[in-house]
N, C-alpha and C. Protein backbone atom coordinates (compact mmCIF):
# COMPACT_ATOMS: atom_id res chain seq x y z
N UNK A 1 127.49 59.59 88.06
CA UNK A 1 127.52 61.02 87.84
C UNK A 1 126.08 61.54 87.69
N UNK A 2 125.79 62.66 88.35
CA UNK A 2 124.46 63.25 88.28
C UNK A 2 124.23 63.92 86.93
N UNK A 3 123.01 63.81 86.44
CA UNK A 3 122.64 64.48 85.20
C UNK A 3 122.34 65.95 85.52
N UNK A 4 122.87 66.84 84.73
CA UNK A 4 122.57 68.25 84.87
C UNK A 4 121.28 68.55 84.13
N UNK A 5 120.36 69.23 84.80
CA UNK A 5 119.09 69.60 84.20
C UNK A 5 119.13 71.08 83.86
N UNK A 6 118.88 71.40 82.60
CA UNK A 6 118.86 72.79 82.16
C UNK A 6 117.43 73.33 82.20
N UNK A 7 117.24 74.42 82.93
CA UNK A 7 115.93 75.03 83.08
C UNK A 7 116.05 76.55 82.92
N UNK A 8 116.20 77.04 81.67
CA UNK A 8 116.36 78.47 81.47
C UNK A 8 115.09 79.24 81.85
N UNK A 9 115.30 80.44 82.34
CA UNK A 9 114.19 81.28 82.80
C UNK A 9 113.49 81.96 81.63
N UNK A 10 112.17 81.88 81.63
CA UNK A 10 111.38 82.58 80.60
C UNK A 10 111.24 84.07 80.90
N UNK A 11 111.71 84.49 82.04
CA UNK A 11 111.66 85.91 82.39
C UNK A 11 112.47 86.74 81.40
N UNK A 12 113.45 86.11 80.76
CA UNK A 12 114.28 86.80 79.78
C UNK A 12 113.79 86.62 78.34
N UNK A 13 112.69 85.92 78.16
CA UNK A 13 112.20 85.64 76.81
C UNK A 13 111.57 86.87 76.17
N UNK A 14 111.54 86.86 74.85
CA UNK A 14 110.81 87.85 74.07
C UNK A 14 109.38 87.31 73.95
N UNK A 15 108.46 87.86 74.72
CA UNK A 15 107.10 87.32 74.79
C UNK A 15 106.36 87.44 73.46
N UNK A 16 106.79 88.33 72.58
CA UNK A 16 106.17 88.46 71.26
C UNK A 16 106.57 87.30 70.35
N UNK A 17 107.66 86.62 70.66
CA UNK A 17 108.14 85.48 69.87
C UNK A 17 108.29 84.25 70.75
N UNK A 18 107.36 84.07 71.65
CA UNK A 18 107.48 83.03 72.66
C UNK A 18 107.56 81.62 72.07
N UNK A 19 106.71 81.31 71.12
CA UNK A 19 106.72 79.97 70.55
C UNK A 19 108.07 79.65 69.90
N UNK A 20 108.61 80.62 69.16
CA UNK A 20 109.90 80.41 68.51
C UNK A 20 111.02 80.29 69.55
N UNK A 21 110.96 81.13 70.57
CA UNK A 21 112.01 81.10 71.58
C UNK A 21 112.00 79.80 72.39
N UNK A 22 110.81 79.32 72.74
CA UNK A 22 110.76 78.06 73.49
C UNK A 22 111.21 76.89 72.61
N UNK A 23 110.88 76.93 71.31
CA UNK A 23 111.34 75.88 70.39
C UNK A 23 112.86 75.91 70.29
N UNK A 24 113.45 77.10 70.25
CA UNK A 24 114.90 77.20 70.18
C UNK A 24 115.55 76.67 71.45
N UNK A 25 114.96 76.97 72.60
CA UNK A 25 115.50 76.45 73.86
C UNK A 25 115.46 74.93 73.89
N UNK A 26 114.39 74.35 73.36
CA UNK A 26 114.31 72.88 73.29
C UNK A 26 115.40 72.33 72.37
N UNK A 27 115.58 72.95 71.21
CA UNK A 27 116.64 72.52 70.28
C UNK A 27 118.03 72.62 70.91
N UNK A 28 118.20 73.61 71.78
CA UNK A 28 119.51 73.83 72.42
C UNK A 28 119.73 72.91 73.63
N UNK A 29 118.74 72.09 73.97
CA UNK A 29 118.93 71.11 75.04
C UNK A 29 118.26 71.41 76.37
N UNK A 30 117.39 72.41 76.43
CA UNK A 30 116.69 72.68 77.69
C UNK A 30 115.83 71.49 78.06
N UNK A 31 115.85 71.12 79.34
CA UNK A 31 115.04 70.01 79.83
C UNK A 31 113.66 70.47 80.30
N UNK A 32 113.60 71.69 80.78
CA UNK A 32 112.35 72.30 81.24
C UNK A 32 112.55 73.81 81.19
N UNK A 33 111.49 74.55 81.43
CA UNK A 33 111.57 76.01 81.40
C UNK A 33 111.18 76.55 82.77
N UNK A 34 111.96 77.49 83.27
CA UNK A 34 111.72 78.08 84.58
C UNK A 34 110.85 79.32 84.44
N UNK A 35 109.80 79.38 85.26
CA UNK A 35 108.87 80.51 85.24
C UNK A 35 108.82 81.12 86.63
N UNK A 36 109.23 82.38 86.75
CA UNK A 36 109.16 83.10 88.03
C UNK A 36 107.84 83.86 88.10
N UNK A 37 107.03 83.54 89.11
CA UNK A 37 105.77 84.25 89.33
C UNK A 37 105.94 85.09 90.58
N UNK A 38 105.89 86.42 90.41
CA UNK A 38 106.07 87.35 91.53
C UNK A 38 104.84 88.25 91.60
N UNK A 39 104.29 88.41 92.80
CA UNK A 39 103.02 89.12 92.94
C UNK A 39 103.13 90.57 93.40
N UNK A 40 104.33 91.05 93.64
CA UNK A 40 104.48 92.43 94.10
C UNK A 40 104.22 92.59 95.58
N UNK A 41 103.84 91.53 96.26
CA UNK A 41 103.58 91.58 97.69
C UNK A 41 104.62 90.72 98.44
N UNK A 42 104.71 89.46 98.09
CA UNK A 42 105.69 88.56 98.70
C UNK A 42 107.10 89.02 98.35
N UNK A 43 107.28 89.44 97.12
CA UNK A 43 108.51 90.07 96.65
C UNK A 43 108.11 91.37 95.97
N UNK A 44 108.99 92.37 95.92
CA UNK A 44 108.60 93.67 95.39
C UNK A 44 108.31 93.70 93.89
N UNK A 45 108.84 92.78 93.13
CA UNK A 45 108.62 92.79 91.68
C UNK A 45 107.31 92.11 91.31
N UNK A 46 106.76 92.49 90.18
CA UNK A 46 105.57 91.85 89.63
C UNK A 46 105.99 91.26 88.29
N UNK A 47 105.64 90.00 88.06
CA UNK A 47 105.97 89.40 86.77
C UNK A 47 104.72 88.90 86.08
N UNK A 48 104.43 87.64 86.15
CA UNK A 48 103.36 87.04 85.37
C UNK A 48 102.37 86.31 86.26
N UNK A 49 101.18 86.17 85.73
CA UNK A 49 100.14 85.48 86.47
C UNK A 49 99.75 84.18 85.79
N UNK A 50 98.60 83.67 86.21
CA UNK A 50 98.16 82.36 85.76
C UNK A 50 97.92 82.31 84.25
N UNK A 51 97.36 83.34 83.66
CA UNK A 51 97.07 83.32 82.23
C UNK A 51 98.35 83.27 81.39
N UNK A 52 99.36 84.00 81.80
CA UNK A 52 100.62 83.98 81.06
C UNK A 52 101.32 82.62 81.22
N UNK A 53 101.26 82.05 82.40
CA UNK A 53 101.83 80.72 82.60
C UNK A 53 101.09 79.71 81.73
N UNK A 54 99.79 79.87 81.62
CA UNK A 54 98.99 79.00 80.74
C UNK A 54 99.46 79.14 79.28
N UNK A 55 99.77 80.36 78.85
CA UNK A 55 100.28 80.59 77.50
C UNK A 55 101.65 79.94 77.32
N UNK A 56 102.50 80.03 78.32
CA UNK A 56 103.80 79.37 78.25
C UNK A 56 103.61 77.87 78.06
N UNK A 57 102.71 77.31 78.86
CA UNK A 57 102.49 75.87 78.80
C UNK A 57 102.00 75.44 77.42
N UNK A 58 101.18 76.27 76.79
CA UNK A 58 100.66 75.95 75.45
C UNK A 58 101.71 76.14 74.36
N UNK A 59 102.76 76.89 74.66
CA UNK A 59 103.74 77.23 73.62
C UNK A 59 104.88 76.23 73.51
N UNK A 60 104.94 75.23 74.39
CA UNK A 60 106.09 74.32 74.39
C UNK A 60 105.72 72.94 74.91
N UNK A 61 106.38 71.92 74.39
CA UNK A 61 106.18 70.58 74.95
C UNK A 61 107.02 70.35 76.22
N UNK A 62 107.92 71.28 76.52
CA UNK A 62 108.77 71.13 77.70
C UNK A 62 107.97 71.36 78.98
N UNK A 63 108.30 70.65 80.06
CA UNK A 63 107.64 70.92 81.34
C UNK A 63 108.06 72.29 81.87
N UNK A 64 107.17 72.87 82.68
CA UNK A 64 107.46 74.16 83.31
C UNK A 64 107.84 73.94 84.77
N UNK A 65 108.87 74.64 85.19
CA UNK A 65 109.31 74.68 86.59
C UNK A 65 108.84 76.04 87.10
N UNK A 66 107.69 76.06 87.77
CA UNK A 66 107.06 77.32 88.18
C UNK A 66 107.43 77.65 89.62
N UNK A 67 108.08 78.80 89.78
CA UNK A 67 108.55 79.28 91.08
C UNK A 67 107.57 80.33 91.57
N UNK A 68 106.73 79.97 92.55
CA UNK A 68 105.70 80.88 93.06
C UNK A 68 106.25 81.72 94.20
N UNK A 69 106.55 82.98 93.90
CA UNK A 69 106.98 83.93 94.93
C UNK A 69 105.79 84.86 95.17
N UNK A 70 104.76 84.28 95.80
CA UNK A 70 103.50 84.98 95.99
C UNK A 70 103.00 84.77 97.42
N UNK A 71 102.17 85.70 97.87
CA UNK A 71 101.53 85.56 99.17
C UNK A 71 100.54 84.40 99.11
N UNK A 72 100.48 83.61 100.14
CA UNK A 72 99.54 82.50 100.28
C UNK A 72 99.50 81.59 99.04
N UNK A 73 100.64 81.02 98.66
CA UNK A 73 100.66 80.16 97.47
C UNK A 73 99.70 78.97 97.57
N UNK A 74 99.42 78.54 98.80
CA UNK A 74 98.51 77.40 98.97
C UNK A 74 97.11 77.71 98.45
N UNK A 75 96.76 79.00 98.33
CA UNK A 75 95.45 79.39 97.81
C UNK A 75 95.40 79.39 96.28
N UNK A 76 96.56 79.35 95.63
CA UNK A 76 96.61 79.41 94.17
C UNK A 76 97.30 78.22 93.52
N UNK A 77 97.81 77.31 94.30
CA UNK A 77 98.60 76.21 93.75
C UNK A 77 97.83 75.39 92.72
N UNK A 78 96.56 75.15 92.94
CA UNK A 78 95.77 74.35 91.99
C UNK A 78 95.64 75.05 90.64
N UNK A 79 95.44 76.36 90.65
CA UNK A 79 95.32 77.09 89.38
C UNK A 79 96.63 77.04 88.60
N UNK A 80 97.76 77.11 89.27
CA UNK A 80 99.05 77.05 88.58
C UNK A 80 99.40 75.62 88.17
N UNK A 81 98.97 74.64 88.95
CA UNK A 81 99.26 73.25 88.62
C UNK A 81 98.56 72.86 87.33
């Protein structure tokens, strides 16, 4: 049987309480956290950039599953990695 991996989206998080929210997600069994990066060009919405993803990474021991919906991701992949 395949293991189900839980990766809740941080797009719904309360960014003012990010550390507490990510800790709660870990306690609830999240395996990783999903981060949607949208640049307003590749997709019409704008979400978060590299600095916010860096803050997410610092706020939790869980790995991040970063979904890059951006123009020319190959030009930014190293910064997000």
